[in-house]
């Protein structure tokens, strides 16, 4: 038993050292790896609740920051888990380093079943989260139409670079709602200035009219990387449809690669009904 414990501790130490080396190398040349992932509340490809799959994916990718959608707290169906905190704890165990986490709820219900049973601390909520293997920096939020939000962080390790995550309304009948959300989103993000990264689940294909307000201000990282031959993985992020995006603005951000990740190939069962989207930038020094 002592040998097993020692081996486990050694494995964590080795993983932590390797992760630190990778992050140090990226930081030295101004490289920033960002990731967006709709975790579907932790429901995996077999329709079972297994949040560890999402944790394992993030730990393997080692992003400098990840923006998550469909993250819950105090939800009876999901074991009343505080999912943002549980993901941060799981990442610390997997990587040997503490991860910062910030969560902002989109909606809540009057359900306090988890609190009443002693397994939660309030009403059932769903929202957005940021996690990073280091300090996050200051955060802000703005409401969008139809009970949606945009959540921003000024990432400390990238010199206060604004990074925004959002999740627009779903469903074919909600195209007008998404258009209103996109218009409000663009007005708010404009105030954050440039350079800037915007990512998340937009529930719209690139050609959909409701997405056009975003494309007037931001560049579509997948499209840019595809034209340059720097995109890998399947284009579809939700089945055959591309509805998850990383957008960016300003020449101060040089896109070097983007990838969709087939988590089923890593874990035998997909971590979610969405594929994570991972983009790597070189952040040029500000003059």
Protein backbone atom coordinates (compact mmCIF):
# COMPACT_ATOMS: atom_id res chain seq x y z
CA UNK A 1 0.00 0.00 0.00
CA UNK A 2 2.85 2.39 0.82
CA UNK A 3 4.37 1.70 -2.62
CA UNK A 4 1.03 2.42 -4.31
CA UNK A 5 0.62 5.70 -2.47
CA UNK A 6 4.18 6.71 -3.28
CA UNK A 7 3.70 5.82 -6.94
CA UNK A 8 0.50 7.83 -7.12
CA UNK A 9 2.19 10.82 -5.52
CA UNK A 10 5.13 10.50 -7.90
CA UNK A 11 2.81 10.30 -10.91
CA UNK A 12 1.05 13.49 -9.80
CA UNK A 13 4.41 15.24 -9.30
CA UNK A 14 5.64 14.19 -12.75
CA UNK A 15 2.38 15.30 -14.39
CA UNK A 16 2.50 18.61 -12.54
CA UNK A 17 6.10 19.23 -13.62
CA UNK A 18 5.29 18.41 -17.25
CA UNK A 19 2.21 20.66 -17.22
CA UNK A 20 4.21 23.52 -15.70
CA UNK A 21 6.91 23.13 -18.34
CA UNK A 22 4.37 23.28 -21.15
CA UNK A 23 2.68 26.37 -19.70
CA UNK A 24 6.01 28.09 -19.09
CA UNK A 25 7.06 27.48 -22.70
CA UNK A 26 3.76 28.86 -23.99
CA UNK A 27 3.97 31.93 -21.76
CA UNK A 28 7.52 32.64 -22.88
CA UNK A 29 6.54 33.13 -26.52
CA UNK A 30 3.19 34.79 -25.80
CA UNK A 31 1.13 31.74 -26.78
CA UNK A 32 -2.39 31.43 -25.40
CA UNK A 33 -4.54 28.28 -25.68
CA UNK A 34 -8.28 28.89 -25.22
CA UNK A 35 -11.04 26.31 -25.12
CA UNK A 36 -14.83 26.44 -25.30
CA UNK A 37 -16.89 23.43 -24.25
CA UNK A 38 -20.61 22.86 -23.71
CA UNK A 39 -20.47 20.05 -21.14
CA UNK A 40 -24.23 19.25 -21.33
CA UNK A 41 -24.49 19.29 -17.53
CA UNK A 42 -21.99 16.42 -17.37
CA UNK A 43 -24.14 14.02 -19.41
CA UNK A 44 -21.86 11.83 -21.53
CA UNK A 45 -22.37 10.00 -24.81
CA UNK A 46 -24.10 7.10 -23.07
CA UNK A 47 -26.68 9.51 -21.58
CA UNK A 48 -25.26 9.03 -18.09
CA UNK A 49 -24.16 11.70 -15.64
CA UNK A 50 -20.39 11.48 -15.49
CA UNK A 51 -18.72 14.84 -14.90
CA UNK A 52 -15.31 13.18 -14.71
CA UNK A 53 -15.27 12.76 -18.48
CA UNK A 54 -15.38 16.54 -18.96
CA UNK A 55 -12.70 16.97 -16.30
CA UNK A 56 -10.44 14.41 -18.00
CA UNK A 57 -10.82 16.18 -21.36
CA UNK A 58 -9.87 19.58 -19.94
CA UNK A 59 -6.91 18.08 -18.08
CA UNK A 60 -5.64 16.40 -21.26
CA UNK A 61 -5.97 19.54 -23.40
CA UNK A 62 -4.33 21.79 -20.77
CA UNK A 63 -5.85 25.09 -21.93
CA UNK A 64 -4.70 28.38 -20.46
CA UNK A 65 -8.39 29.18 -20.03
CA UNK A 66 -11.60 27.28 -20.71
CA UNK A 67 -15.11 28.70 -20.99
CA UNK A 68 -17.88 26.22 -20.17
CA UNK A 69 -21.59 26.25 -20.95
CA UNK A 70 -24.46 24.29 -19.35
CA UNK A 71 -22.83 24.16 -15.93
CA UNK A 72 -25.15 23.55 -12.96
CA UNK A 73 -25.28 23.97 -9.19
CA UNK A 74 -27.80 22.50 -6.73
CA UNK A 75 -29.53 20.42 -9.40
CA UNK A 76 -31.11 17.22 -8.03
CA UNK A 77 -30.68 15.33 -11.31
CA UNK A 78 -26.93 15.97 -11.24
CA UNK A 79 -26.30 14.79 -7.68
CA UNK A 80 -26.77 18.34 -6.34
CA UNK A 81 -23.14 18.90 -7.39
CA UNK A 82 -21.52 22.30 -7.34
CA UNK A 83 -20.17 21.57 -10.80
CA UNK A 84 -17.79 24.56 -11.12
CA UNK A 85 -16.13 23.66 -7.81
CA UNK A 86 -16.12 19.95 -8.59
CA UNK A 87 -14.46 20.52 -11.96
CA UNK A 88 -11.80 22.71 -10.34
CA UNK A 89 -11.15 20.03 -7.70
CA UNK A 90 -10.94 17.32 -10.36
CA UNK A 91 -8.50 19.36 -12.43
CA UNK A 92 -6.29 19.93 -9.39
CA UNK A 93 -6.20 16.18 -8.75
CA UNK A 94 -5.47 15.42 -12.41
CA UNK A 95 -2.82 18.09 -13.01
CA UNK A 96 -1.30 18.67 -9.58
CA UNK A 97 -2.03 22.39 -9.74
CA UNK A 98 -4.84 24.52 -8.33
CA UNK A 99 -7.29 25.91 -10.92
CA UNK A 100 -9.11 29.22 -10.53
CA UNK A 101 -12.84 29.14 -11.24
CA UNK A 102 -15.53 31.76 -11.79
CA UNK A 103 -19.23 30.98 -12.29
CA UNK A 104 -22.18 33.15 -13.30
CA UNK A 105 -25.73 31.81 -13.33
CA UNK A 106 -28.00 32.28 -16.34
CA UNK A 107 -31.18 31.08 -14.74
CA UNK A 108 -32.53 29.52 -11.57
CA UNK A 109 -35.64 27.67 -10.46
CA UNK A 110 -37.40 27.75 -7.10
CA UNK A 111 -36.22 24.18 -6.49
CA UNK A 112 -34.31 24.01 -3.19
CA UNK A 113 -34.44 20.23 -2.83
CA UNK A 114 -30.65 20.00 -2.67
CA UNK A 115 -30.42 22.63 0.05
CA UNK A 116 -33.20 20.99 2.07
CA UNK A 117 -31.44 17.63 1.89
CA UNK A 118 -28.16 19.15 3.07
CA UNK A 119 -26.42 18.57 -0.27
CA UNK A 120 -26.57 22.11 -1.59
CA UNK A 121 -26.57 25.76 -0.62
CA UNK A 122 -29.40 27.32 -2.58
CA UNK A 123 -31.70 27.19 -5.58
CA UNK A 124 -31.09 25.08 -8.66
CA UNK A 125 -29.11 27.08 -11.23
CA UNK A 126 -27.43 26.76 -14.63
CA UNK A 127 -24.80 29.09 -16.03
CA UNK A 128 -21.39 29.73 -17.52
CA UNK A 129 -17.95 29.15 -16.02
CA UNK A 130 -14.31 30.04 -16.60
CA UNK A 131 -11.45 27.90 -15.32
CA UNK A 132 -7.72 28.53 -15.60
CA UNK A 133 -4.54 26.96 -14.12
CA UNK A 134 -3.61 30.29 -12.59
CA UNK A 135 -5.23 33.61 -11.63
CA UNK A 136 -8.22 34.54 -13.76
CA UNK A 137 -8.48 38.29 -13.25
CA UNK A 138 -11.55 40.51 -12.90
CA UNK A 139 -14.90 39.35 -14.28
CA UNK A 140 -18.05 41.07 -15.52
CA UNK A 141 -21.44 40.02 -16.85
CA UNK A 142 -24.25 41.44 -18.95
CA UNK A 143 -27.78 40.05 -19.39
CA UNK A 144 -28.93 39.20 -22.90
CA UNK A 145 -32.52 38.74 -24.15
CA UNK A 146 -34.40 35.51 -23.36
CA UNK A 147 -32.63 34.88 -20.04
CA UNK A 148 -29.16 34.52 -21.54
CA UNK A 149 -25.94 36.22 -20.48
CA UNK A 150 -22.41 37.03 -21.59
CA UNK A 151 -19.62 36.49 -19.06
CA UNK A 152 -16.21 38.14 -19.40
CA UNK A 153 -12.82 37.88 -17.73
CA UNK A 154 -9.77 40.08 -18.18
CA UNK A 155 -7.24 37.27 -18.16
CA UNK A 156 -4.36 38.17 -15.88
CA UNK A 157 -1.72 35.99 -17.53
CA UNK A 158 -2.49 37.59 -20.92
CA UNK A 159 -2.08 41.15 -19.71
CA UNK A 160 -5.77 41.68 -19.01
CA UNK A 161 -6.97 40.41 -22.41
CA UNK A 162 -10.80 40.36 -22.41
CA UNK A 163 -12.21 36.88 -23.03
CA UNK A 164 -15.98 36.43 -23.26
CA UNK A 165 -18.08 33.26 -23.10
CA UNK A 166 -21.77 33.01 -23.95
CA UNK A 167 -24.54 30.57 -24.80
CA UNK A 168 -27.30 31.81 -27.10
CA UNK A 169 -30.88 30.53 -27.21
CA UNK A 170 -31.44 27.11 -28.78
CA UNK A 171 -34.13 25.83 -31.14
CA UNK A 172 -35.19 26.61 -34.70
CA UNK A 173 -38.02 28.84 -33.47
CA UNK A 174 -35.61 31.04 -31.51
CA UNK A 175 -33.73 32.54 -34.46
CA UNK A 176 -35.11 36.01 -33.73
CA UNK A 177 -34.15 35.67 -30.07
CA UNK A 178 -30.60 34.74 -31.10
CA UNK A 179 -30.49 37.77 -33.41
CA UNK A 180 -31.46 40.05 -30.52
CA UNK A 181 -28.91 38.35 -28.27
CA UNK A 182 -26.17 38.70 -30.89
CA UNK A 183 -26.92 42.40 -31.35
CA UNK A 184 -26.84 43.02 -27.60
CA UNK A 185 -23.68 40.94 -27.29
CA UNK A 186 -21.84 42.96 -29.94
CA UNK A 187 -22.79 46.26 -28.29
CA UNK A 188 -21.46 45.05 -24.94
CA UNK A 189 -18.27 43.47 -26.24
CA UNK A 190 -17.46 46.64 -28.19
CA UNK A 191 -17.05 48.40 -24.84
CA UNK A 192 -14.44 45.84 -23.79
CA UNK A 193 -12.17 46.98 -26.61
CA UNK A 194 -9.62 45.13 -28.70
CA UNK A 195 -7.86 42.77 -28.76
CA UNK A 196 -10.56 40.41 -27.55
CA UNK A 197 -11.67 36.77 -27.76
CA UNK A 198 -15.34 35.73 -27.83
CA UNK A 199 -16.35 32.07 -27.60
CA UNK A 200 -19.18 29.73 -26.74
CA UNK A 201 -22.22 27.89 -28.02
CA UNK A 202 -24.11 30.20 -30.41
CA UNK A 203 -26.70 27.63 -31.54
CA UNK A 204 -26.40 28.95 -35.10
CA UNK A 205 -24.55 27.85 -38.21
CA UNK A 206 -22.02 30.22 -39.84
CA UNK A 207 -24.46 31.12 -42.64
CA UNK A 208 -27.42 31.86 -40.33
CA UNK A 209 -28.62 35.45 -40.42
CA UNK A 210 -28.69 35.80 -36.63
CA UNK A 211 -24.93 35.27 -36.41
CA UNK A 212 -24.06 38.08 -38.80
CA UNK A 213 -23.90 40.89 -36.17
CA UNK A 214 -21.04 39.00 -34.50
CA UNK A 215 -19.22 38.50 -37.80
CA UNK A 216 -19.30 42.24 -38.50
CA UNK A 217 -16.95 42.80 -35.55
CA UNK A 218 -15.15 39.49 -35.02
CA UNK A 219 -13.24 37.03 -37.17
CA UNK A 220 -14.28 33.37 -37.14
CA UNK A 221 -11.21 31.46 -35.94
CA UNK A 222 -12.24 28.19 -37.61
CA UNK A 223 -12.70 29.87 -40.99
CA UNK A 224 -9.40 31.76 -40.69
CA UNK A 225 -7.47 28.65 -39.66
CA UNK A 226 -9.12 26.49 -42.34
CA UNK A 227 -8.04 28.90 -45.08
CA UNK A 228 -4.49 28.86 -43.69
CA UNK A 229 -4.40 25.06 -43.34
CA UNK A 230 -4.20 25.24 -39.53
CA UNK A 231 -7.54 23.61 -38.63
CA UNK A 232 -7.82 19.99 -37.52
CA UNK A 233 -10.67 17.70 -36.56
CA UNK A 234 -14.21 17.59 -37.90
CA UNK A 235 -15.86 20.92 -38.64
CA UNK A 236 -19.10 19.95 -36.86
CA UNK A 237 -19.12 20.63 -33.12
CA UNK A 238 -22.65 19.36 -32.45
CA UNK A 239 -23.30 16.42 -34.71
CA UNK A 240 -22.68 17.65 -38.26
CA UNK A 241 -23.41 21.27 -37.37
CA UNK A 242 -20.83 23.91 -36.45
CA UNK A 243 -22.49 25.95 -33.71
CA UNK A 244 -19.60 26.37 -31.23
CA UNK A 245 -17.14 29.13 -32.02
CA UNK A 246 -14.02 31.00 -31.09
CA UNK A 247 -14.09 34.55 -32.49
CA UNK A 248 -11.36 37.16 -32.19
CA UNK A 249 -10.63 40.76 -33.10
CA UNK A 250 -7.44 42.80 -33.56
CA UNK A 251 -4.21 41.99 -35.36
CA UNK A 252 -2.61 41.75 -31.92
CA UNK A 253 -3.97 38.19 -31.83
CA UNK A 254 -2.26 35.86 -34.27
CA UNK A 255 -4.21 32.62 -34.68
CA UNK A 256 -1.81 29.68 -35.04
CA UNK A 257 -4.12 26.65 -34.81
CA UNK A 258 -7.65 25.45 -34.04
CA UNK A 259 -8.97 21.97 -33.34
CA UNK A 260 -12.24 20.20 -32.64
CA UNK A 261 -11.70 17.31 -30.25
CA UNK A 262 -13.43 13.96 -30.69
CA UNK A 263 -13.68 13.05 -27.02
CA UNK A 264 -15.18 9.64 -27.84
CA UNK A 265 -11.86 8.73 -29.42
CA UNK A 266 -10.10 9.62 -26.16
CA UNK A 267 -12.56 8.18 -23.65
CA UNK A 268 -14.45 5.47 -25.62
CA UNK A 269 -17.61 7.40 -24.69
CA UNK A 270 -17.98 11.08 -25.60
CA UNK A 271 -17.79 13.53 -22.72
CA UNK A 272 -20.77 15.54 -24.05
CA UNK A 273 -23.01 15.97 -27.07
CA UNK A 274 -20.70 18.85 -28.08
CA UNK A 275 -17.08 18.64 -29.16
CA UNK A 276 -14.65 20.99 -27.42
CA UNK A 277 -13.14 23.66 -29.66
CA UNK A 278 -9.54 24.64 -28.90
CA UNK A 279 -7.76 27.63 -30.45
CA UNK A 280 -4.16 28.72 -29.99
CA UNK A 281 -3.10 32.33 -30.39
CA UNK A 282 0.12 34.25 -30.19
CA UNK A 283 -0.61 37.41 -28.23
CA UNK A 284 1.57 40.20 -29.58
CA UNK A 285 2.95 42.70 -27.08
CA UNK A 286 0.98 45.92 -26.87
CA UNK A 287 2.88 48.99 -27.99
